[in-house]
């Protein structure tokens, strides 16, 4: 059985091993060199992973969202104060109007009673009518003793949190940061809108024909010129 030579140019040694890194038959010396190269590449990849980990740990994702919540809180407080003042004024007008209506009826009854007293010839029927009207006023005034005379439909203030997953943006895109993704969906008007990268110059080609080949048959798509 013939022995194959090392696949490295210029090496006259016989091949002893299959290098899993480059899938070539190499001698022991070059096999060891390839193993070292592979290990060095792995070390570089490990450093890259550590760099990404450091980047994640250095970014406090709560800062941006907490700032938004704080702005919402301040704006909500101002709006709540405005609504409270508006509703108080509205209630005061309605209560004053209601009281004035009752006071008007009582003044009319008082005037009627005074006139009958001055005339001195009130009939039993007139007196009975006055009694009935006074009783009606008394019954109507009982509503002021009811704690929930005005029923308030108070609703709790709340807000929703939408966690933006990267699955919303597929297709090997790298230009959109998390902040830009949020702004894009906010501009589009749908927070959970999903996007697919249909054209990328470095991937699909820089010519206009490449652009039209990828985009012409797609649904209406925004274009990022970055």
C-alpha atoms as a PDB file:
ATOM      1  CA  UNK A   1       0.000   0.000   0.000  1.00  0.00           C
ATOM      2  CA  UNK A   2       1.501   3.340  -1.096  1.00  0.00           C
ATOM      3  CA  UNK A   3       2.171   5.932   1.578  1.00  0.00           C
ATOM      4  CA  UNK A   4       0.832   9.432   0.844  1.00  0.00           C
ATOM      5  CA  UNK A   5       2.925  12.509   1.374  1.00  0.00           C
ATOM      6  CA  UNK A   6       2.132  15.396   3.678  1.00  0.00           C
ATOM      7  CA  UNK A   7      -0.234  17.803   1.897  1.00  0.00           C
ATOM      8  CA  UNK A   8       1.690  20.885   3.058  1.00  0.00           C
ATOM      9  CA  UNK A   9       3.620  22.421   0.158  1.00  0.00           C
ATOM     10  CA  UNK A  10       7.351  21.765   0.389  1.00  0.00           C
ATOM     11  CA  UNK A  11       7.018  19.067   3.042  1.00  0.00           C
ATOM     12  CA  UNK A  12       8.533  15.722   1.986  1.00  0.00           C
ATOM     13  CA  UNK A  13       7.424  13.776   5.049  1.00  0.00           C
ATOM     14  CA  UNK A  14       4.876  11.033   4.892  1.00  0.00           C
ATOM     15  CA  UNK A  15       1.369  11.863   6.104  1.00  0.00           C
ATOM     16  CA  UNK A  16       0.586  10.347   9.483  1.00  0.00           C
ATOM     17  CA  UNK A  17      -2.637  12.044  10.521  1.00  0.00           C
ATOM     18  CA  UNK A  18      -5.850  13.534   9.179  1.00  0.00           C
ATOM     19  CA  UNK A  19      -6.147  17.118  10.372  1.00  0.00           C
ATOM     20  CA  UNK A  20      -9.729  17.654  11.503  1.00  0.00           C
ATOM     21  CA  UNK A  21      -9.221  21.402  11.209  1.00  0.00           C
ATOM     22  CA  UNK A  22      -8.442  21.507   7.470  1.00  0.00           C
ATOM     23  CA  UNK A  23      -9.404  17.927   6.529  1.00  0.00           C
ATOM     24  CA  UNK A  24      -5.947  17.306   5.004  1.00  0.00           C
ATOM     25  CA  UNK A  25      -3.462  14.473   5.380  1.00  0.00           C
ATOM     26  CA  UNK A  26      -0.408  15.892   7.139  1.00  0.00           C
ATOM     27  CA  UNK A  27       2.743  14.720   8.825  1.00  0.00           C
ATOM     28  CA  UNK A  28       3.096  14.630  12.588  1.00  0.00           C
ATOM     29  CA  UNK A  29       4.979  17.942  12.681  1.00  0.00           C
ATOM     30  CA  UNK A  30       2.370  19.825  10.695  1.00  0.00           C
ATOM     31  CA  UNK A  31      -0.427  18.054  12.541  1.00  0.00           C
ATOM     32  CA  UNK A  32       0.925  19.468  15.814  1.00  0.00           C
ATOM     33  CA  UNK A  33       1.179  22.913  14.202  1.00  0.00           C
ATOM     34  CA  UNK A  34      -2.423  22.672  13.006  1.00  0.00           C
ATOM     35  CA  UNK A  35      -3.581  21.642  16.471  1.00  0.00           C
ATOM     36  CA  UNK A  36      -1.833  24.701  17.916  1.00  0.00           C
ATOM     37  CA  UNK A  37      -3.465  26.935  15.279  1.00  0.00           C
ATOM     38  CA  UNK A  38      -6.884  25.485  16.098  1.00  0.00           C
ATOM     39  CA  UNK A  39      -6.308  26.006  19.816  1.00  0.00           C
ATOM     40  CA  UNK A  40      -5.175  29.587  19.202  1.00  0.00           C
ATOM     41  CA  UNK A  41      -8.355  30.192  17.194  1.00  0.00           C
ATOM     42  CA  UNK A  42     -10.436  28.763  20.030  1.00  0.00           C
ATOM     43  CA  UNK A  43      -8.673  31.056  22.492  1.00  0.00           C
ATOM     44  CA  UNK A  44      -9.529  34.024  20.249  1.00  0.00           C
ATOM     45  CA  UNK A  45     -13.157  32.866  20.098  1.00  0.00           C
ATOM     46  CA  UNK A  46     -13.207  32.515  23.878  1.00  0.00           C
ATOM     47  CA  UNK A  47     -11.897  36.082  24.182  1.00  0.00           C
ATOM     48  CA  UNK A  48     -14.642  37.251  21.807  1.00  0.00           C
ATOM     49  CA  UNK A  49     -17.296  35.544  23.942  1.00  0.00           C
ATOM     50  CA  UNK A  50     -15.860  37.157  27.074  1.00  0.00           C
ATOM     51  CA  UNK A  51     -15.933  40.528  25.318  1.00  0.00           C
ATOM     52  CA  UNK A  52     -19.633  40.093  24.527  1.00  0.00           C
ATOM     53  CA  UNK A  53     -20.297  39.044  28.130  1.00  0.00           C
ATOM     54  CA  UNK A  54     -18.490  42.165  29.377  1.00  0.00           C
ATOM     55  CA  UNK A  55     -20.539  44.324  27.009  1.00  0.00           C
ATOM     56  CA  UNK A  56     -23.791  42.831  28.305  1.00  0.00           C
ATOM     57  CA  UNK A  57     -22.740  43.256  31.922  1.00  0.00           C
ATOM     58  CA  UNK A  58     -21.701  46.871  31.367  1.00  0.00           C
ATOM     59  CA  UNK A  59     -25.092  47.827  29.929  1.00  0.00           C
ATOM     60  CA  UNK A  60     -27.859  48.475  32.416  1.00  0.00           C
ATOM     61  CA  UNK A  61     -30.994  47.763  30.392  1.00  0.00           C
ATOM     62  CA  UNK A  62     -33.155  49.152  33.182  1.00  0.00           C
ATOM     63  CA  UNK A  63     -31.897  52.723  32.704  1.00  0.00           C
ATOM     64  CA  UNK A  64     -33.822  53.399  29.497  1.00  0.00           C
ATOM     65  CA  UNK A  65     -37.045  51.666  30.535  1.00  0.00           C
ATOM     66  CA  UNK A  66     -36.951  53.148  34.054  1.00  0.00           C
ATOM     67  CA  UNK A  67     -36.550  56.591  32.513  1.00  0.00           C
ATOM     68  CA  UNK A  68     -39.639  55.960  30.386  1.00  0.00           C
ATOM     69  CA  UNK A  69     -41.602  54.765  33.421  1.00  0.00           C
ATOM     70  CA  UNK A  70     -40.537  57.845  35.381  1.00  0.00           C
ATOM     71  CA  UNK A  71     -41.659  60.111  32.541  1.00  0.00           C
ATOM     72  CA  UNK A  72     -44.950  58.218  32.419  1.00  0.00           C
ATOM     73  CA  UNK A  73     -45.326  58.625  36.200  1.00  0.00           C
ATOM     74  CA  UNK A  74     -44.759  62.386  36.097  1.00  0.00           C
ATOM     75  CA  UNK A  75     -47.053  62.829  33.113  1.00  0.00           C
ATOM     76  CA  UNK A  76     -49.711  60.637  34.738  1.00  0.00           C
ATOM     77  CA  UNK A  77     -49.525  62.619  37.982  1.00  0.00           C
ATOM     78  CA  UNK A  78     -50.047  65.859  36.105  1.00  0.00           C
ATOM     79  CA  UNK A  79     -52.947  64.382  34.168  1.00  0.00           C
ATOM     80  CA  UNK A  80     -54.493  62.924  37.336  1.00  0.00           C
ATOM     81  CA  UNK A  81     -54.305  66.346  38.991  1.00  0.00           C
ATOM     82  CA  UNK A  82     -55.960  67.904  35.948  1.00  0.00           C
ATOM     83  CA  UNK A  83     -58.721  65.273  35.911  1.00  0.00           C
ATOM     84  CA  UNK A  84     -59.297  65.655  39.665  1.00  0.00           C
ATOM     85  CA  UNK A  85     -59.689  69.413  39.363  1.00  0.00           C
ATOM     86  CA  UNK A  86     -61.997  69.060  36.357  1.00  0.00           C
ATOM     87  CA  UNK A  87     -64.183  66.471  38.098  1.00  0.00           C
ATOM     88  CA  UNK A  88     -64.307  68.473  41.345  1.00  0.00           C
ATOM     89  CA  UNK A  89     -65.485  71.547  39.482  1.00  0.00           C
ATOM     90  CA  UNK A  90     -68.026  69.467  37.582  1.00  0.00           C
ATOM     91  CA  UNK A  91     -69.337  67.882  40.793  1.00  0.00           C
ATOM     92  CA  UNK A  92     -69.522  71.229  42.573  1.00  0.00           C
ATOM     93  CA  UNK A  93     -71.595  72.688  39.738  1.00  0.00           C
ATOM     94  CA  UNK A  94     -73.970  69.711  39.762  1.00  0.00           C
ATOM     95  CA  UNK A  95     -74.293  69.698  43.568  1.00  0.00           C
ATOM     96  CA  UNK A  96     -74.872  73.460  43.719  1.00  0.00           C
ATOM     97  CA  UNK A  97     -77.473  73.196  40.984  1.00  0.00           C
ATOM     98  CA  UNK A  98     -79.233  70.350  42.792  1.00  0.00           C
ATOM     99  CA  UNK A  99     -79.238  72.233  46.098  1.00  0.00           C
ATOM    100  CA  UNK A 100     -80.471  75.415  44.413  1.00  0.00           C
ATOM    101  CA  UNK A 101     -83.382  73.509  42.884  1.00  0.00           C
ATOM    102  CA  UNK A 102     -84.413  72.193  46.305  1.00  0.00           C
ATOM    103  CA  UNK A 103     -83.962  75.605  47.916  1.00  0.00           C
ATOM    104  CA  UNK A 104     -86.120  77.166  45.214  1.00  0.00           C
ATOM    105  CA  UNK A 105     -88.959  74.727  45.956  1.00  0.00           C
ATOM    106  CA  UNK A 106     -88.647  75.360  49.697  1.00  0.00           C
ATOM    107  CA  UNK A 107     -88.701  79.139  49.198  1.00  0.00           C
ATOM    108  CA  UNK A 108     -91.827  78.802  47.074  1.00  0.00           C
ATOM    109  CA  UNK A 109     -93.479  76.697  49.782  1.00  0.00           C
ATOM    110  CA  UNK A 110     -92.392  79.167  52.448  1.00  0.00           C
ATOM    111  CA  UNK A 111     -93.839  82.056  50.469  1.00  0.00           C
ATOM    112  CA  UNK A 112     -97.100  80.154  49.933  1.00  0.00           C
ATOM    113  CA  UNK A 113     -97.395  79.391  53.660  1.00  0.00           C
ATOM    114  CA  UNK A 114     -96.673  83.028  54.556  1.00  0.00           C
ATOM    115  CA  UNK A 115     -99.357  84.255  52.158  1.00  0.00           C
ATOM    116  CA  UNK A 116    -101.914  81.847  53.633  1.00  0.00           C
ATOM    117  CA  UNK A 117    -100.981  82.982  57.143  1.00  0.00           C
ATOM    118  CA  UNK A 118    -101.382  86.622  56.146  1.00  0.00           C
ATOM    119  CA  UNK A 119    -104.747  85.935  54.504  1.00  0.00           C
ATOM    120  CA  UNK A 120    -105.953  83.905  57.480  1.00  0.00           C
ATOM    121  CA  UNK A 121    -108.458  81.801  55.524  1.00  0.00           C
ATOM    122  CA  UNK A 122    -106.476  78.723  54.378  1.00  0.00           C
ATOM    123  CA  UNK A 123    -108.594  75.715  53.475  1.00  0.00           C
ATOM    124  CA  UNK A 124    -107.929  72.181  54.642  1.00  0.00           C
ATOM    125  CA  UNK A 125    -107.155  71.238  51.032  1.00  0.00           C
ATOM    126  CA  UNK A 126    -104.493  73.961  50.730  1.00  0.00           C
ATOM    127  CA  UNK A 127    -102.932  72.887  54.007  1.00  0.00           C
ATOM    128  CA  UNK A 128    -102.961  69.243  52.872  1.00  0.00           C
ATOM    129  CA  UNK A 129    -101.251  70.185  49.591  1.00  0.00           C
ATOM    130  CA  UNK A 130     -98.560  72.079  51.480  1.00  0.00           C
ATOM    131  CA  UNK A 131     -98.021  69.078  53.777  1.00  0.00           C
ATOM    132  CA  UNK A 132     -97.650  66.780  50.765  1.00  0.00           C
ATOM    133  CA  UNK A 133     -95.179  69.141  49.097  1.00  0.00           C
ATOM    134  CA  UNK A 134     -93.147  69.444  52.299  1.00  0.00           C
ATOM    135  CA  UNK A 135     -93.028  65.648  52.601  1.00  0.00           C
ATOM    136  CA  UNK A 136     -91.829  65.375  49.002  1.00  0.00           C
ATOM    137  CA  UNK A 137     -89.066  67.882  49.706  1.00  0.00           C
ATOM    138  CA  UNK A 138     -88.125  65.985  52.862  1.00  0.00           C
ATOM    139  CA  UNK A 139     -87.881  62.702  50.931  1.00  0.00           C
ATOM    140  CA  UNK A 140     -85.845  64.307  48.181  1.00  0.00           C
ATOM    141  CA  UNK A 141     -83.459  65.827  50.716  1.00  0.00           C
ATOM    142  CA  UNK A 142     -82.738  62.406  52.219  1.00  0.00           C
ATOM    143  CA  UNK A 143     -80.459  61.736  49.260  1.00  0.00           C
ATOM    144  CA  UNK A 144     -77.958  64.174  50.769  1.00  0.00           C
ATOM    145  CA  UNK A 145     -77.506  61.762  53.682  1.00  0.00           C
ATOM    146  CA  UNK A 146     -76.483  58.899  51.371  1.00  0.00           C
ATOM    147  CA  UNK A 147     -72.655  58.530  51.248  1.00  0.00           C
ATOM    148  CA  UNK A 148     -72.625  57.359  47.633  1.00  0.00           C
ATOM    149  CA  UNK A 149     -74.966  60.042  46.343  1.00  0.00           C
ATOM    150  CA  UNK A 150     -72.486  60.343  43.483  1.00  0.00           C
ATOM    151  CA  UNK A 151     -71.247  56.983  42.245  1.00  0.00           C
ATOM    152  CA  UNK A 152     -67.662  57.289  41.051  1.00  0.00           C
ATOM    153  CA  UNK A 153     -66.305  54.869  38.477  1.00  0.00           C
ATOM    154  CA  UNK A 154     -62.654  54.947  39.531  1.00  0.00           C
ATOM    155  CA  UNK A 155     -60.264  52.981  37.350  1.00  0.00           C
ATOM    156  CA  UNK A 156     -56.737  51.962  38.328  1.00  0.00           C
ATOM    157  CA  UNK A 157     -53.844  53.518  36.445  1.00  0.00           C
ATOM    158  CA  UNK A 158     -51.689  50.879  34.788  1.00  0.00           C
ATOM    159  CA  UNK A 159     -49.175  50.362  32.015  1.00  0.00           C
ATOM    160  CA  UNK A 160     -48.040  47.446  29.878  1.00  0.00           C
ATOM    161  CA  UNK A 161     -44.515  46.253  29.199  1.00  0.00           C
ATOM    162  CA  UNK A 162     -43.668  44.697  25.858  1.00  0.00           C
ATOM    163  CA  UNK A 163     -40.377  42.818  25.827  1.00  0.00           C
ATOM    164  CA  UNK A 164     -38.843  43.193  22.395  1.00  0.00           C
ATOM    165  CA  UNK A 165     -37.367  39.880  21.276  1.00  0.00           C
ATOM    166  CA  UNK A 166     -34.824  39.677  18.493  1.00  0.00           C
ATOM    167  CA  UNK A 167     -37.138  37.173  16.771  1.00  0.00           C
ATOM    168  CA  UNK A 168     -39.065  40.227  15.584  1.00  0.00           C
ATOM    169  CA  UNK A 169     -36.120  41.057  13.302  1.00  0.00           C
ATOM    170  CA  UNK A 170     -34.906  38.119  11.245  1.00  0.00           C
ATOM    171  CA  UNK A 171     -32.711  37.772   8.199  1.00  0.00           C
ATOM    172  CA  UNK A 172     -29.136  38.319   9.415  1.00  0.00           C
ATOM    173  CA  UNK A 173     -29.571  42.050  10.039  1.00  0.00           C
ATOM    174  CA  UNK A 174     -27.018  43.768  12.272  1.00  0.00           C
ATOM    175  CA  UNK A 175     -27.695  47.486  11.765  1.00  0.00           C
ATOM    176  CA  UNK A 176     -30.668  47.865  14.090  1.00  0.00           C
ATOM    177  CA  UNK A 177     -29.797  48.308  17.735  1.00  0.00           C
ATOM    178  CA  UNK A 178     -32.447  47.564  20.363  1.00  0.00           C
ATOM    179  CA  UNK A 179     -33.224  51.276  20.610  1.00  0.00           C
ATOM    180  CA  UNK A 180     -33.617  51.568  16.828  1.00  0.00           C
ATOM    181  CA  UNK A 181     -35.843  48.486  16.749  1.00  0.00           C
ATOM    182  CA  UNK A 182     -38.126  50.085  19.329  1.00  0.00           C
ATOM    183  CA  UNK A 183     -38.210  53.344  17.369  1.00  0.00           C
ATOM    184  CA  UNK A 184     -38.951  51.535  14.093  1.00  0.00           C
ATOM    185  CA  UNK A 185     -41.951  49.704  15.532  1.00  0.00           C
ATOM    186  CA  UNK A 186     -43.104  52.876  17.291  1.00  0.00           C
ATOM    187  CA  UNK A 187     -42.912  54.732  13.967  1.00  0.00           C
ATOM    188  CA  UNK A 188     -44.748  51.893  12.222  1.00  0.00           C
ATOM    189  CA  UNK A 189     -47.434  51.961  14.918  1.00  0.00           C
ATOM    190  CA  UNK A 190     -47.375  48.279  15.908  1.00  0.00           C
ATOM    191  CA  UNK A 191     -45.117  47.308  18.808  1.00  0.00           C
ATOM    192  CA  UNK A 192     -45.071  43.586  17.990  1.00  0.00           C
ATOM    193  CA  UNK A 193     -44.565  44.000  14.235  1.00  0.00           C
ATOM    194  CA  UNK A 194     -42.175  41.381  12.819  1.00  0.00           C
ATOM    195  CA  UNK A 195     -39.573  42.269  10.186  1.00  0.00           C
ATOM    196  CA  UNK A 196     -37.475  40.215   7.775  1.00  0.00           C
ATOM    197  CA  UNK A 197     -34.321  41.518   6.137  1.00  0.00           C
ATOM    198  CA  UNK A 198     -34.879  40.841   2.413  1.00  0.00           C
ATOM    199  CA  UNK A 199     -31.906  42.765   1.047  1.00  0.00           C
ATOM    200  CA  UNK A 200     -28.435  43.376   2.434  1.00  0.00           C
ATOM    201  CA  UNK A 201     -25.809  44.800   0.100  1.00  0.00           C
ATOM    202  CA  UNK A 202     -22.871  42.981   1.669  1.00  0.00           C
ATOM    203  CA  UNK A 203     -24.800  39.732   1.361  1.00  0.00           C
ATOM    204  CA  UNK A 204     -26.906  40.123  -1.804  1.00  0.00           C
ATOM    205  CA  UNK A 205     -24.826  42.489  -3.929  1.00  0.00           C
ATOM    206  CA  UNK A 206     -24.430  46.236  -4.370  1.00  0.00           C
ATOM    207  CA  UNK A 207     -25.961  46.713  -7.824  1.00  0.00           C
ATOM    208  CA  UNK A 208     -29.428  48.099  -8.462  1.00  0.00           C
ATOM    209  CA  UNK A 209     -30.397  44.826 -10.124  1.00  0.00           C
ATOM    210  CA  UNK A 210     -29.509  42.992  -6.902  1.00  0.00           C
ATOM    211  CA  UNK A 211     -31.701  45.391  -4.946  1.00  0.00           C
ATOM    212  CA  UNK A 212     -34.688  44.955  -7.278  1.00  0.00           C
ATOM    213  CA  UNK A 213     -34.189  41.192  -7.458  1.00  0.00           C
ATOM    214  CA  UNK A 214     -34.628  40.948  -3.698  1.00  0.00           C
ATOM    215  CA  UNK A 215     -37.187  43.683  -3.088  1.00  0.00           C
ATOM    216  CA  UNK A 216     -39.486  43.978  -6.106  1.00  0.00           C
ATOM    217  CA  UNK A 217     -41.734  41.074  -5.152  1.00  0.00           C
ATOM    218  CA  UNK A 218     -41.726  41.842  -1.436  1.00  0.00           C
ATOM    219  CA  UNK A 219     -44.450  43.573   0.501  1.00  0.00           C
ATOM    220  CA  UNK A 220     -43.962  47.335   1.064  1.00  0.00           C
ATOM    221  CA  UNK A 221     -40.657  47.601   2.871  1.00  0.00           C
ATOM    222  CA  UNK A 222     -38.767  50.414   4.622  1.00  0.00           C
ATOM    223  CA  UNK A 223     -35.209  50.993   3.399  1.00  0.00           C
ATOM    224  CA  UNK A 224     -32.250  51.640   5.702  1.00  0.00           C
ATOM    225  CA  UNK A 225     -29.446  53.406   3.832  1.00  0.00           C
ATOM    226  CA  UNK A 226     -26.881  53.026   6.602  1.00  0.00           C
END
